[in-house]
Amino acid sequence: MYSLTIRDHIMIAHSLPGEAFGPAQNLHGATYVIDVTFYRPELDENEIVVDIGLASDVVKASLGELNYKNLDDLPDFKTRRSTTEVLARWVFDRMVRCIADGSLGASAKGITRIRTVLNENHLASAAYEADI
């Protein structure tokens, strides 16, 4: 299996209601370093997984929907906590959508799996990974 990983980051504000979250129940900021890995069993006709420049642009644009935002104000998180795990799935879903709508180019149709990792700091991260 071949893979390509694109890394970017976002800065957000949010709160996490519920006793389990202790002081994070209050509004606070977070900076995530995000890795999006695309997998495919065979390289395309150009011998790549997907165009790196295009993938970088698509990841940045998708993350731009969250960057410098208070997630508590966004419709996607009105009925769901914006935990790191939930955000990992949110990024995954955006990448699947970008493959389907052609934003990642024709060669992206060969991608069979995606893994998104949100690094909260050098000690903790959460991920979502699945076949598409």
Protein backbone atom coordinates (compact mmCIF):
# COMPACT_ATOMS: atom_id res chain seq x y z
CA MET A 1 0.00 0.00 0.00
CA TYR A 2 1.33 3.41 -0.98
CA SER A 3 0.64 6.52 1.06
CA LEU A 4 1.07 10.27 0.99
CA THR A 5 0.71 12.46 4.07
CA ILE A 6 -0.13 16.16 4.05
CA ARG A 7 0.42 18.18 7.23
CA ASP A 8 -1.20 21.48 8.18
CA HIS A 9 -2.47 23.15 11.33
CA ILE A 10 -5.43 25.08 12.68
CA MET A 11 -6.11 27.30 15.66
CA ILE A 12 -9.61 27.07 17.10
CA ALA A 13 -11.67 27.99 20.14
CA HIS A 14 -14.31 25.74 21.65
CA SER A 15 -15.82 24.44 24.85
CA LEU A 16 -16.57 20.85 25.78
CA PRO A 17 -19.73 20.60 27.90
CA GLY A 18 -19.81 17.75 30.39
CA GLU A 19 -18.25 16.94 33.71
CA ALA A 20 -15.75 14.56 32.08
CA PHE A 21 -14.00 17.55 30.48
CA GLY A 22 -13.15 19.41 33.70
CA PRO A 23 -11.79 22.88 32.96
CA ALA A 24 -12.16 22.31 29.20
CA GLN A 25 -15.90 22.83 29.72
CA ASN A 26 -15.06 26.53 29.55
CA LEU A 27 -14.22 28.29 26.32
CA HIS A 28 -10.55 27.71 25.50
CA GLY A 29 -8.21 27.69 22.54
CA ALA A 30 -6.42 24.81 20.87
CA THR A 31 -3.86 24.47 18.11
CA TYR A 32 -3.88 21.21 16.19
CA VAL A 33 -1.21 19.88 13.87
CA ILE A 34 -3.15 17.72 11.42
CA ASP A 35 -1.86 14.88 9.28
CA VAL A 36 -4.02 13.58 6.45
CA THR A 37 -2.75 10.35 4.90
CA PHE A 38 -4.09 9.05 1.60
CA TYR A 39 -3.59 5.36 0.74
CA ARG A 40 -3.84 3.48 -2.52
CA PRO A 41 -2.71 -0.03 -3.49
CA GLU A 42 -1.13 1.05 -6.80
CA LEU A 43 0.34 4.32 -8.01
CA ASP A 44 -1.44 6.24 -10.76
CA GLU A 45 -0.14 6.67 -14.32
CA ASN A 46 2.21 9.41 -13.04
CA GLU A 47 3.55 7.07 -10.34
CA ILE A 48 2.08 9.10 -7.48
CA VAL A 49 -0.62 8.60 -4.85
CA VAL A 50 -2.13 12.01 -5.51
CA ASP A 51 -0.75 15.40 -6.57
CA ILE A 52 1.02 16.80 -3.47
CA GLY A 53 0.38 20.43 -4.37
CA LEU A 54 -3.29 19.85 -5.05
CA ALA A 55 -3.70 17.75 -1.90
CA SER A 56 -1.99 20.46 0.17
CA ASP A 57 -4.34 23.09 -1.26
CA VAL A 58 -7.43 20.96 -0.62
CA VAL A 59 -6.42 20.13 2.96
CA LYS A 60 -5.69 23.81 3.69
CA ALA A 61 -9.00 24.93 2.17
CA SER A 62 -10.98 22.31 4.10
CA LEU A 63 -9.28 23.19 7.37
CA GLY A 64 -9.95 26.84 6.61
CA GLU A 65 -13.59 26.16 7.50
CA LEU A 66 -12.40 25.71 11.10
CA ASN A 67 -9.27 27.85 11.37
CA TYR A 68 -9.57 30.83 13.76
CA LYS A 69 -13.21 29.94 14.45
CA ASN A 70 -15.11 29.28 17.64
CA LEU A 71 -16.38 25.79 16.88
CA ASP A 72 -19.26 26.30 19.32
CA ASP A 73 -20.74 28.71 16.75
CA LEU A 74 -20.56 26.34 13.76
CA PRO A 75 -23.60 24.30 12.69
CA ASP A 76 -21.58 21.05 12.48
CA PHE A 77 -20.91 21.21 16.22
CA LYS A 78 -24.23 22.52 17.55
CA THR A 79 -25.44 19.02 18.48
CA ARG A 80 -22.07 17.37 18.96
CA ARG A 81 -19.01 18.12 21.10
CA SER A 82 -15.98 19.19 19.11
CA THR A 83 -13.64 16.68 20.74
CA THR A 84 -10.39 15.86 19.00
CA GLU A 85 -11.87 12.52 17.93
CA VAL A 86 -14.93 14.18 16.41
CA LEU A 87 -12.71 16.69 14.59
CA ALA A 88 -10.62 13.83 13.18
CA ARG A 89 -13.78 12.36 11.67
CA TRP A 90 -14.87 15.79 10.41
CA VAL A 91 -11.58 16.16 8.50
CA PHE A 92 -11.89 12.60 7.15
CA ASP A 93 -15.41 13.30 5.86
CA ARG A 94 -14.21 16.49 4.13
CA MET A 95 -11.45 14.55 2.35
CA VAL A 96 -13.91 11.90 1.17
CA ARG A 97 -16.14 14.67 -0.16
CA CYS A 98 -13.18 16.27 -1.98
CA ILE A 99 -12.37 12.96 -3.67
CA ALA A 100 -16.00 12.52 -4.72
CA ASP A 101 -16.37 16.04 -6.12
CA GLY A 102 -13.07 15.90 -8.01
CA SER A 103 -11.29 18.56 -5.95
CA LEU A 104 -8.34 16.22 -5.43
CA GLY A 105 -8.03 15.46 -9.14
CA ALA A 106 -8.72 12.39 -11.24
CA SER A 107 -5.93 10.29 -9.74
CA ALA A 108 -7.57 10.57 -6.31
CA LYS A 109 -10.22 8.10 -7.50
CA GLY A 110 -7.62 5.38 -6.78
CA ILE A 111 -7.43 6.29 -3.07
CA THR A 112 -8.92 3.48 -1.02
CA ARG A 113 -8.24 4.58 2.55
CA ILE A 114 -7.71 7.81 4.50
CA ARG A 115 -6.28 8.41 7.97
CA THR A 116 -6.60 11.76 9.73
CA VAL A 117 -4.58 12.48 12.86
CA LEU A 118 -5.08 15.56 15.02
CA ASN A 119 -2.08 16.18 17.25
CA GLU A 120 -3.09 18.20 20.30
CA ASN A 121 0.49 18.46 21.49
CA HIS A 122 3.64 16.35 21.53
CA LEU A 123 2.03 13.91 23.97
CA ALA A 124 -1.50 13.33 22.68
CA SER A 125 -3.32 12.82 19.41
CA ALA A 126 -6.56 11.34 18.12
CA ALA A 127 -7.25 9.79 14.73
CA TYR A 128 -9.92 8.48 12.43
CA GLU A 129 -9.11 5.95 9.70
CA ALA A 130 -11.32 4.00 7.33
CA ASP A 131 -11.62 2.58 3.85
CA ILE A 132 -13.52 4.70 1.38
